[in-house]
Amino acid sequence: MIAVPIMAVMMLLASSRRTMGDNVIGKQLRRTGWIATAAMAATVVAMFVTW
């Protein structure tokens, strides 16, 4: 439950040039991170639906 917002904030920070400078994540890692965040969100929704 708490993982989804944490993952979203981590993705936003890791993608921000203002925060990370020249060390921002690439497009492939950004895409993979958002897919993982969406999968975690879907898992949380499924958990509440079946609870």
PDB file of N, CA and C in Angstrom:
ATOM      1  N   MET A   1       0.823  -1.190   0.000  1.00  0.00           N
ATOM      2  CA  MET A   1       0.000   0.000   0.000  1.00  0.00           C
ATOM      3  C   MET A   1       0.865   1.252   0.000  1.00  0.00           C
ATOM      4  N   ILE A   2       1.879   1.258   0.787  1.00  0.00           N
ATOM      5  CA  ILE A   2       2.735   2.440   0.856  1.00  0.00           C
ATOM      6  C   ILE A   2       3.778   2.447  -0.256  1.00  0.00           C
ATOM      7  N   ALA A   3       3.976   1.297  -0.892  1.00  0.00           N
ATOM      8  CA  ALA A   3       5.026   1.179  -1.911  1.00  0.00           C
ATOM      9  C   ALA A   3       4.733   2.018  -3.150  1.00  0.00           C
ATOM     10  N   VAL A   4       3.469   2.109  -3.549  1.00  0.00           N
ATOM     11  CA  VAL A   4       3.141   2.809  -4.792  1.00  0.00           C
ATOM     12  C   VAL A   4       3.506   4.297  -4.726  1.00  0.00           C
ATOM     13  N   PRO A   5       3.106   5.031  -3.702  1.00  0.00           N
ATOM     14  CA  PRO A   5       3.511   6.442  -3.658  1.00  0.00           C
ATOM     15  C   PRO A   5       5.029   6.621  -3.547  1.00  0.00           C
ATOM     16  N   ILE A   6       5.678   5.728  -2.809  1.00  0.00           N
ATOM     17  CA  ILE A   6       7.133   5.820  -2.688  1.00  0.00           C
ATOM     18  C   ILE A   6       7.792   5.580  -4.036  1.00  0.00           C
ATOM     19  N   MET A   7       7.319   4.570  -4.767  1.00  0.00           N
ATOM     20  CA  MET A   7       7.878   4.291  -6.094  1.00  0.00           C
ATOM     21  C   MET A   7       7.635   5.457  -7.043  1.00  0.00           C
ATOM     22  N   ALA A   8       6.445   6.059  -6.981  1.00  0.00           N
ATOM     23  CA  ALA A   8       6.132   7.187  -7.856  1.00  0.00           C
ATOM     24  C   ALA A   8       7.040   8.381  -7.559  1.00  0.00           C
ATOM     25  N   VAL A   9       7.246   8.675  -6.293  1.00  0.00           N
ATOM     26  CA  VAL A   9       8.127   9.792  -5.924  1.00  0.00           C
ATOM     27  C   VAL A   9       9.565   9.505  -6.347  1.00  0.00           C
ATOM     28  N   MET A  10      10.003   8.262  -6.173  1.00  0.00           N
ATOM     29  CA  MET A  10      11.358   7.895  -6.599  1.00  0.00           C
ATOM     30  C   MET A  10      11.516   8.059  -8.112  1.00  0.00           C
ATOM     31  N   MET A  11      10.492   7.678  -8.871  1.00  0.00           N
ATOM     32  CA  MET A  11      10.555   7.830 -10.322  1.00  0.00           C
ATOM     33  C   MET A  11      10.607   9.307 -10.710  1.00  0.00           C
ATOM     34  N   LEU A  12       9.798  10.118 -10.055  1.00  0.00           N
ATOM     35  CA  LEU A  12       9.808  11.550 -10.360  1.00  0.00           C
ATOM     36  C   LEU A  12      11.161  12.178 -10.029  1.00  0.00           C
ATOM     37  N   LEU A  13      11.723  11.805  -8.894  1.00  0.00           N
ATOM     38  CA  LEU A  13      13.023  12.351  -8.507  1.00  0.00           C
ATOM     39  C   LEU A  13      14.135  11.873  -9.436  1.00  0.00           C
ATOM     40  N   ALA A  14      14.124  10.596  -9.781  1.00  0.00           N
ATOM     41  CA  ALA A  14      15.175  10.039 -10.631  1.00  0.00           C
ATOM     42  C   ALA A  14      15.097  10.574 -12.055  1.00  0.00           C
ATOM     43  N   SER A  15      13.922  11.034 -12.477  1.00  0.00           N
ATOM     44  CA  SER A  15      13.737  11.571 -13.828  1.00  0.00           C
ATOM     45  C   SER A  15      13.986  13.076 -13.904  1.00  0.00           C
ATOM     46  N   SER A  16      14.111  13.713 -12.770  1.00  0.00           N
ATOM     47  CA  SER A  16      14.231  15.168 -12.723  1.00  0.00           C
ATOM     48  C   SER A  16      15.687  15.619 -12.864  1.00  0.00           C
ATOM     49  N   ARG A  17      15.944  16.371 -13.895  1.00  0.00           N
ATOM     50  CA  ARG A  17      17.291  16.917 -14.085  1.00  0.00           C
ATOM     51  C   ARG A  17      17.609  17.940 -12.992  1.00  0.00           C
ATOM     52  N   ARG A  18      16.590  18.618 -12.498  1.00  0.00           N
ATOM     53  CA  ARG A  18      16.801  19.600 -11.422  1.00  0.00           C
ATOM     54  C   ARG A  18      17.306  18.922 -10.150  1.00  0.00           C
ATOM     55  N   THR A  19      16.786  17.725  -9.890  1.00  0.00           N
ATOM     56  CA  THR A  19      17.182  16.980  -8.694  1.00  0.00           C
ATOM     57  C   THR A  19      18.475  16.198  -8.903  1.00  0.00           C
ATOM     58  N   MET A  20      18.579  15.507 -10.032  1.00  0.00           N
ATOM     59  CA  MET A  20      19.673  14.566 -10.270  1.00  0.00           C
ATOM     60  C   MET A  20      20.830  15.140 -11.073  1.00  0.00           C
ATOM     61  N   GLY A  21      20.641  16.313 -11.652  1.00  0.00           N
ATOM     62  CA  GLY A  21      21.712  16.889 -12.472  1.00  0.00           C
ATOM     63  C   GLY A  21      21.938  16.047 -13.720  1.00  0.00           C
ATOM     64  N   ASP A  22      23.186  15.694 -13.989  1.00  0.00           N
ATOM     65  CA  ASP A  22      23.511  14.889 -15.168  1.00  0.00           C
ATOM     66  C   ASP A  22      23.258  13.403 -14.960  1.00  0.00           C
ATOM     67  N   ASN A  23      22.828  13.000 -13.787  1.00  0.00           N
ATOM     68  CA  ASN A  23      22.666  11.584 -13.460  1.00  0.00           C
ATOM     69  C   ASN A  23      21.225  11.093 -13.562  1.00  0.00           C
ATOM     70  N   VAL A  24      20.425  11.721 -14.424  1.00  0.00           N
ATOM     71  CA  VAL A  24      19.033  11.275 -14.576  1.00  0.00           C
ATOM     72  C   VAL A  24      18.994   9.900 -15.234  1.00  0.00           C
ATOM     73  N   ILE A  25      17.924   9.168 -14.980  1.00  0.00           N
ATOM     74  CA  ILE A  25      17.799   7.831 -15.559  1.00  0.00           C
ATOM     75  C   ILE A  25      17.428   7.943 -17.040  1.00  0.00           C
ATOM     76  N   GLY A  26      17.777   6.921 -17.792  1.00  0.00           N
ATOM     77  CA  GLY A  26      17.490   6.904 -19.216  1.00  0.00           C
ATOM     78  C   GLY A  26      16.039   6.554 -19.514  1.00  0.00           C
ATOM     79  N   LYS A  27      15.699   6.629 -20.806  1.00  0.00           N
ATOM     80  CA  LYS A  27      14.312   6.382 -21.213  1.00  0.00           C
ATOM     81  C   LYS A  27      13.875   4.952 -20.925  1.00  0.00           C
ATOM     82  N   GLN A  28      14.741   3.986 -21.180  1.00  0.00           N
ATOM     83  CA  GLN A  28      14.365   2.582 -20.952  1.00  0.00           C
ATOM     84  C   GLN A  28      14.139   2.316 -19.465  1.00  0.00           C
ATOM     85  N   LEU A  29      15.009   2.807 -18.621  1.00  0.00           N
ATOM     86  CA  LEU A  29      14.843   2.607 -17.182  1.00  0.00           C
ATOM     87  C   LEU A  29      13.628   3.370 -16.665  1.00  0.00           C
ATOM     88  N   ARG A  30      13.381   4.549 -17.215  1.00  0.00           N
ATOM     89  CA  ARG A  30      12.204   5.326 -16.822  1.00  0.00           C
ATOM     90  C   ARG A  30      10.930   4.558 -17.183  1.00  0.00           C
ATOM     91  N   ARG A  31      10.888   4.013 -18.385  1.00  0.00           N
ATOM     92  CA  ARG A  31       9.729   3.237 -18.833  1.00  0.00           C
ATOM     93  C   ARG A  31       9.532   2.002 -17.950  1.00  0.00           C
ATOM     94  N   THR A  32      10.615   1.299 -17.683  1.00  0.00           N
ATOM     95  CA  THR A  32      10.536   0.101 -16.845  1.00  0.00           C
ATOM     96  C   THR A  32      10.077   0.447 -15.426  1.00  0.00           C
ATOM     97  N   GLY A  33      10.572   1.534 -14.890  1.00  0.00           N
ATOM     98  CA  GLY A  33      10.178   1.963 -13.546  1.00  0.00           C
ATOM     99  C   GLY A  33       8.703   2.306 -13.451  1.00  0.00           C
ATOM    100  N   TRP A  34       8.180   3.000 -14.467  1.00  0.00           N
ATOM    101  CA  TRP A  34       6.762   3.344 -14.448  1.00  0.00           C
ATOM    102  C   TRP A  34       5.889   2.115 -14.658  1.00  0.00           C
ATOM    103  N   ILE A  35       6.361   1.157 -15.464  1.00  0.00           N
ATOM    104  CA  ILE A  35       5.622  -0.099 -15.633  1.00  0.00           C
ATOM    105  C   ILE A  35       5.582  -0.856 -14.304  1.00  0.00           C
ATOM    106  N   ALA A  36       6.705  -0.892 -13.596  1.00  0.00           N
ATOM    107  CA  ALA A  36       6.749  -1.559 -12.293  1.00  0.00           C
ATOM    108  C   ALA A  36       5.839  -0.855 -11.289  1.00  0.00           C
ATOM    109  N   THR A  37       5.796   0.467 -11.329  1.00  0.00           N
ATOM    110  CA  THR A  37       4.919   1.222 -10.434  1.00  0.00           C
ATOM    111  C   THR A  37       3.457   0.924 -10.744  1.00  0.00           C
ATOM    112  N   ALA A  38       3.119   0.870 -12.028  1.00  0.00           N
ATOM    113  CA  ALA A  38       1.740   0.550 -12.422  1.00  0.00           C
ATOM    114  C   ALA A  38       1.377  -0.875 -12.016  1.00  0.00           C
ATOM    115  N   ALA A  39       2.312  -1.811 -12.166  1.00  0.00           N
ATOM    116  CA  ALA A  39       2.051  -3.194 -11.766  1.00  0.00           C
ATOM    117  C   ALA A  39       1.822  -3.279 -10.259  1.00  0.00           C
ATOM    118  N   MET A  40       2.585  -2.537  -9.498  1.00  0.00           N
ATOM    119  CA  MET A  40       2.404  -2.529  -8.051  1.00  0.00           C
ATOM    120  C   MET A  40       1.058  -1.911  -7.685  1.00  0.00           C
ATOM    121  N   ALA A  41       0.673  -0.859  -8.379  1.00  0.00           N
ATOM    122  CA  ALA A  41      -0.634  -0.237  -8.129  1.00  0.00           C
ATOM    123  C   ALA A  41      -1.763  -1.213  -8.451  1.00  0.00           C
ATOM    124  N   ALA A  42      -1.637  -1.946  -9.557  1.00  0.00           N
ATOM    125  CA  ALA A  42      -2.656  -2.934  -9.922  1.00  0.00           C
ATOM    126  C   ALA A  42      -2.728  -4.042  -8.875  1.00  0.00           C
ATOM    127  N   THR A  43      -1.595  -4.417  -8.342  1.00  0.00           N
ATOM    128  CA  THR A  43      -1.569  -5.444  -7.302  1.00  0.00           C
ATOM    129  C   THR A  43      -2.274  -4.966  -6.035  1.00  0.00           C
ATOM    130  N   VAL A  44      -2.059  -3.723  -5.674  1.00  0.00           N
ATOM    131  CA  VAL A  44      -2.723  -3.161  -4.493  1.00  0.00           C
ATOM    132  C   VAL A  44      -4.234  -3.112  -4.717  1.00  0.00           C
ATOM    133  N   VAL A  45      -4.649  -2.688  -5.905  1.00  0.00           N
ATOM    134  CA  VAL A  45      -6.083  -2.653  -6.214  1.00  0.00           C
ATOM    135  C   VAL A  45      -6.671  -4.059  -6.137  1.00  0.00           C
ATOM    136  N   ALA A  46      -5.969  -5.031  -6.723  1.00  0.00           N
ATOM    137  CA  ALA A  46      -6.451  -6.421  -6.686  1.00  0.00           C
ATOM    138  C   ALA A  46      -6.543  -6.927  -5.257  1.00  0.00           C
ATOM    139  N   MET A  47      -5.586  -6.536  -4.437  1.00  0.00           N
ATOM    140  CA  MET A  47      -5.593  -6.973  -3.037  1.00  0.00           C
ATOM    141  C   MET A  47      -6.856  -6.449  -2.328  1.00  0.00           C
ATOM    142  N   PHE A  48      -7.186  -5.181  -2.571  1.00  0.00           N
ATOM    143  CA  PHE A  48      -8.374  -4.620  -1.911  1.00  0.00           C
ATOM    144  C   PHE A  48      -9.664  -5.195  -2.479  1.00  0.00           C
ATOM    145  N   VAL A  49      -9.678  -5.500  -3.767  1.00  0.00           N
ATOM    146  CA  VAL A  49     -10.893  -6.058  -4.379  1.00  0.00           C
ATOM    147  C   VAL A  49     -11.180  -7.450  -3.838  1.00  0.00           C
ATOM    148  N   THR A  50     -10.128  -8.223  -3.609  1.00  0.00           N
ATOM    149  CA  THR A  50     -10.327  -9.604  -3.156  1.00  0.00           C
ATOM    150  C   THR A  50     -10.309  -9.745  -1.645  1.00  0.00           C
ATOM    151  N   TRP A  51     -10.115  -8.698  -0.929  1.00  0.00           N
ATOM    152  CA  TRP A  51     -10.004  -8.757   0.528  1.00  0.00           C
ATOM    153  C   TRP A  51     -11.330  -9.001   1.147  1.00  0.00           C
TER     154      TRP A  51
END
